[in-house]
Amino acid sequence: MAPTERMGTAVCETELQALKRDIARASISSMSNSELLRFGVNVKFRISQAPASGNRDFAGLEAQLTEARLEWNRRHPNLPLRDSF
């Protein structure tokens, strides 16, 4: 594979990851509070199980958890449960 082909692939993968992140952000922002809390706890659990299960999408799960936490903290900045997931 030529260097320019590899570079084009890297750009496409970066753009794809950005697109996935934007879709996840839109989806997370449209969740109700109970759905968001459930989603965050679920993703946190999946991250804790990722090394044992050989899950290769660890970075994607961490990005989802970060987005869920940001959205929760945006909605409820003063709740004591703000760091619960």
N, C-alpha and C. Protein backbone atom coordinates (compact mmCIF):
# COMPACT_ATOMS: atom_id res chain seq x y z
N MET A 1 0.86 -1.18 0.00
CA MET A 1 0.00 0.00 0.00
C MET A 1 0.90 1.23 0.00
N ALA A 2 0.59 2.19 -0.84
CA ALA A 2 1.35 3.42 -0.94
C ALA A 2 1.12 4.29 0.28
N PRO A 3 2.11 5.13 0.64
CA PRO A 3 1.93 6.00 1.82
C PRO A 3 0.71 6.89 1.75
N THR A 4 0.38 7.38 0.54
CA THR A 4 -0.78 8.26 0.43
C THR A 4 -2.08 7.50 0.68
N GLU A 5 -2.11 6.23 0.28
CA GLU A 5 -3.30 5.42 0.53
C GLU A 5 -3.48 5.19 2.02
N ARG A 6 -2.38 4.92 2.72
CA ARG A 6 -2.46 4.71 4.16
C ARG A 6 -2.90 5.98 4.86
N MET A 7 -2.39 7.12 4.43
CA MET A 7 -2.75 8.39 5.04
C MET A 7 -4.24 8.67 4.81
N GLY A 8 -4.74 8.37 3.61
CA GLY A 8 -6.16 8.55 3.33
C GLY A 8 -7.02 7.68 4.20
N THR A 9 -6.56 6.47 4.46
CA THR A 9 -7.30 5.56 5.34
C THR A 9 -7.33 6.10 6.76
N ALA A 10 -6.20 6.64 7.22
CA ALA A 10 -6.14 7.20 8.57
C ALA A 10 -7.09 8.39 8.71
N VAL A 11 -7.16 9.22 7.68
CA VAL A 11 -8.07 10.36 7.72
C VAL A 11 -9.51 9.88 7.76
N CYS A 12 -9.82 8.87 6.95
CA CYS A 12 -11.19 8.34 6.95
C CYS A 12 -11.55 7.75 8.30
N GLU A 13 -10.61 7.04 8.94
CA GLU A 13 -10.89 6.45 10.25
C GLU A 13 -11.10 7.55 11.30
N THR A 14 -10.31 8.62 11.21
CA THR A 14 -10.47 9.73 12.15
C THR A 14 -11.81 10.40 11.95
N GLU A 15 -12.21 10.61 10.71
CA GLU A 15 -13.51 11.21 10.42
C GLU A 15 -14.64 10.30 10.86
N LEU A 16 -14.46 8.99 10.70
CA LEU A 16 -15.48 8.03 11.13
C LEU A 16 -15.63 8.06 12.65
N GLN A 17 -14.51 8.14 13.38
CA GLN A 17 -14.58 8.21 14.83
C GLN A 17 -15.26 9.50 15.28
N ALA A 18 -14.98 10.60 14.60
CA ALA A 18 -15.63 11.87 14.93
C ALA A 18 -17.12 11.79 14.67
N LEU A 19 -17.50 11.15 13.58
CA LEU A 19 -18.92 10.99 13.26
C LEU A 19 -19.61 10.13 14.31
N LYS A 20 -18.98 9.03 14.71
CA LYS A 20 -19.54 8.17 15.75
C LYS A 20 -19.71 8.94 17.06
N ARG A 21 -18.72 9.77 17.40
CA ARG A 21 -18.79 10.55 18.63
C ARG A 21 -19.94 11.55 18.57
N ASP A 22 -20.13 12.19 17.41
CA ASP A 22 -21.24 13.14 17.26
C ASP A 22 -22.59 12.45 17.36
N ILE A 23 -22.70 11.26 16.78
CA ILE A 23 -23.95 10.49 16.85
C ILE A 23 -24.22 10.08 18.29
N ALA A 24 -23.19 9.62 18.99
CA ALA A 24 -23.35 9.22 20.39
C ALA A 24 -23.76 10.41 21.24
N ARG A 25 -23.15 11.56 20.98
CA ARG A 25 -23.48 12.77 21.75
C ARG A 25 -24.93 13.16 21.54
N ALA A 26 -25.40 13.10 20.30
CA ALA A 26 -26.80 13.45 20.01
C ALA A 26 -27.75 12.46 20.67
N SER A 27 -27.39 11.19 20.62
CA SER A 27 -28.23 10.16 21.22
C SER A 27 -28.29 10.32 22.74
N ILE A 28 -27.15 10.57 23.34
CA ILE A 28 -27.08 10.72 24.79
C ILE A 28 -27.86 11.96 25.25
N SER A 29 -27.77 13.03 24.50
CA SER A 29 -28.46 14.26 24.91
C SER A 29 -29.98 14.14 24.80
N SER A 30 -30.46 13.17 24.00
CA SER A 30 -31.90 13.00 23.86
C SER A 30 -32.48 12.01 24.86
N MET A 31 -31.64 11.38 25.68
CA MET A 31 -32.12 10.41 26.68
C MET A 31 -32.78 11.13 27.85
N SER A 32 -33.74 10.44 28.45
CA SER A 32 -34.32 10.95 29.70
C SER A 32 -33.30 10.75 30.81
N ASN A 33 -33.56 11.34 31.96
CA ASN A 33 -32.63 11.20 33.09
C ASN A 33 -32.43 9.75 33.50
N SER A 34 -33.53 9.00 33.58
CA SER A 34 -33.40 7.59 34.00
C SER A 34 -32.67 6.77 32.94
N GLU A 35 -32.91 7.05 31.66
CA GLU A 35 -32.20 6.34 30.60
C GLU A 35 -30.71 6.68 30.63
N LEU A 36 -30.39 7.94 30.86
CA LEU A 36 -29.00 8.37 30.90
C LEU A 36 -28.27 7.72 32.07
N LEU A 37 -28.89 7.68 33.22
CA LEU A 37 -28.28 7.05 34.39
C LEU A 37 -28.06 5.56 34.14
N ARG A 38 -29.06 4.89 33.60
CA ARG A 38 -28.97 3.46 33.28
C ARG A 38 -27.86 3.21 32.25
N PHE A 39 -27.80 4.06 31.21
CA PHE A 39 -26.79 3.94 30.17
C PHE A 39 -25.40 4.10 30.77
N GLY A 40 -25.21 5.12 31.61
CA GLY A 40 -23.90 5.36 32.21
C GLY A 40 -23.43 4.21 33.07
N VAL A 41 -24.32 3.67 33.87
CA VAL A 41 -23.96 2.54 34.74
C VAL A 41 -23.62 1.31 33.88
N ASN A 42 -24.40 1.09 32.82
CA ASN A 42 -24.16 -0.04 31.92
C ASN A 42 -22.79 0.08 31.25
N VAL A 43 -22.47 1.25 30.73
CA VAL A 43 -21.19 1.45 30.06
C VAL A 43 -20.03 1.31 31.05
N LYS A 44 -20.21 1.84 32.26
CA LYS A 44 -19.17 1.71 33.28
C LYS A 44 -18.91 0.24 33.59
N PHE A 45 -19.97 -0.56 33.68
CA PHE A 45 -19.83 -1.99 33.93
C PHE A 45 -19.11 -2.67 32.76
N ARG A 46 -19.50 -2.32 31.53
CA ARG A 46 -18.86 -2.92 30.35
C ARG A 46 -17.37 -2.59 30.30
N ILE A 47 -17.00 -1.39 30.72
CA ILE A 47 -15.58 -1.02 30.76
C ILE A 47 -14.85 -1.87 31.80
N SER A 48 -15.49 -2.11 32.94
CA SER A 48 -14.84 -2.91 33.98
C SER A 48 -14.65 -4.36 33.53
N GLN A 49 -15.49 -4.83 32.62
CA GLN A 49 -15.40 -6.20 32.12
C GLN A 49 -14.58 -6.31 30.84
N ALA A 50 -14.22 -5.20 30.22
CA ALA A 50 -13.55 -5.19 28.92
C ALA A 50 -12.22 -5.95 28.91
N PRO A 51 -11.34 -5.75 29.89
CA PRO A 51 -10.06 -6.49 29.83
C PRO A 51 -10.25 -8.00 29.90
N ALA A 52 -11.19 -8.47 30.69
CA ALA A 52 -11.42 -9.91 30.83
C ALA A 52 -12.07 -10.51 29.59
N SER A 53 -12.92 -9.72 28.92
CA SER A 53 -13.63 -10.25 27.77
C SER A 53 -12.87 -10.04 26.47
N GLY A 54 -11.77 -9.30 26.51
CA GLY A 54 -11.00 -9.04 25.29
C GLY A 54 -11.67 -8.05 24.37
N ASN A 55 -12.51 -7.19 24.91
CA ASN A 55 -13.23 -6.19 24.12
C ASN A 55 -12.23 -5.20 23.53
N ARG A 56 -12.22 -5.10 22.20
CA ARG A 56 -11.28 -4.21 21.52
C ARG A 56 -11.82 -2.80 21.40
N ASP A 57 -13.08 -2.57 21.72
CA ASP A 57 -13.67 -1.24 21.58
C ASP A 57 -13.60 -0.47 22.89
N PHE A 58 -12.53 -0.66 23.65
CA PHE A 58 -12.36 -0.03 24.95
C PHE A 58 -12.39 1.49 24.83
N ALA A 59 -11.71 2.04 23.82
CA ALA A 59 -11.67 3.49 23.65
C ALA A 59 -13.06 4.04 23.34
N GLY A 60 -13.83 3.31 22.56
CA GLY A 60 -15.19 3.73 22.25
C GLY A 60 -16.08 3.75 23.48
N LEU A 61 -15.90 2.74 24.34
CA LEU A 61 -16.68 2.69 25.57
C LEU A 61 -16.30 3.84 26.49
N GLU A 62 -15.01 4.13 26.58
CA GLU A 62 -14.58 5.25 27.43
C GLU A 62 -15.12 6.58 26.91
N ALA A 63 -15.18 6.73 25.59
CA ALA A 63 -15.72 7.96 25.01
C ALA A 63 -17.21 8.09 25.33
N GLN A 64 -17.95 6.96 25.26
CA GLN A 64 -19.37 6.98 25.59
C GLN A 64 -19.58 7.34 27.05
N LEU A 65 -18.75 6.78 27.94
CA LEU A 65 -18.88 7.06 29.36
C LEU A 65 -18.57 8.54 29.64
N THR A 66 -17.57 9.06 28.99
CA THR A 66 -17.23 10.47 29.16
C THR A 66 -18.38 11.37 28.72
N GLU A 67 -18.97 11.06 27.57
CA GLU A 67 -20.10 11.86 27.07
C GLU A 67 -21.30 11.76 28.01
N ALA A 68 -21.57 10.56 28.53
CA ALA A 68 -22.69 10.39 29.46
C ALA A 68 -22.45 11.18 30.74
N ARG A 69 -21.23 11.14 31.25
CA ARG A 69 -20.91 11.90 32.47
C ARG A 69 -21.04 13.41 32.23
N LEU A 70 -20.55 13.88 31.10
CA LEU A 70 -20.65 15.30 30.78
C LEU A 70 -22.11 15.75 30.70
N GLU A 71 -22.93 14.93 30.06
CA GLU A 71 -24.34 15.27 29.92
C GLU A 71 -25.03 15.26 31.29
N TRP A 72 -24.74 14.25 32.11
CA TRP A 72 -25.34 14.17 33.45
C TRP A 72 -24.94 15.38 34.29
N ASN A 73 -23.67 15.73 34.25
CA ASN A 73 -23.19 16.86 35.04
C ASN A 73 -23.73 18.19 34.51
N ARG A 74 -23.98 18.26 33.21
CA ARG A 74 -24.59 19.46 32.64
C ARG A 74 -26.03 19.62 33.15
N ARG A 75 -26.75 18.50 33.21
CA ARG A 75 -28.14 18.55 33.67
C ARG A 75 -28.25 18.75 35.18
N HIS A 76 -27.37 18.14 35.93
CA HIS A 76 -27.47 18.12 37.40
C HIS A 76 -26.12 18.50 38.03
N PRO A 77 -25.74 19.75 37.96
CA PRO A 77 -24.41 20.12 38.45
C PRO A 77 -24.24 20.03 39.97
N ASN A 78 -25.32 20.06 40.74
CA ASN A 78 -25.20 20.09 42.20
C ASN A 78 -25.66 18.82 42.90
N LEU A 79 -26.01 17.79 42.15
CA LEU A 79 -26.45 16.55 42.78
C LEU A 79 -25.27 15.79 43.39
N PRO A 80 -25.48 15.17 44.54
CA PRO A 80 -24.38 14.40 45.15
C PRO A 80 -24.03 13.16 44.32
N LEU A 81 -24.93 12.70 43.48
CA LEU A 81 -24.68 11.52 42.65
C LEU A 81 -23.95 11.84 41.35
N ARG A 82 -23.48 13.05 41.20
CA ARG A 82 -22.93 13.47 39.93
C ARG A 82 -21.76 12.63 39.44
N ASP A 83 -21.03 11.98 40.33
CA ASP A 83 -19.92 11.12 39.92
C ASP A 83 -20.23 9.65 40.17
N SER A 84 -21.50 9.29 40.15
CA SER A 84 -21.88 7.93 40.50
C SER A 84 -21.59 6.92 39.39
N PHE A 85 -21.44 7.39 38.18
CA PHE A 85 -21.09 6.45 37.11
C PHE A 85 -19.96 6.97 36.28
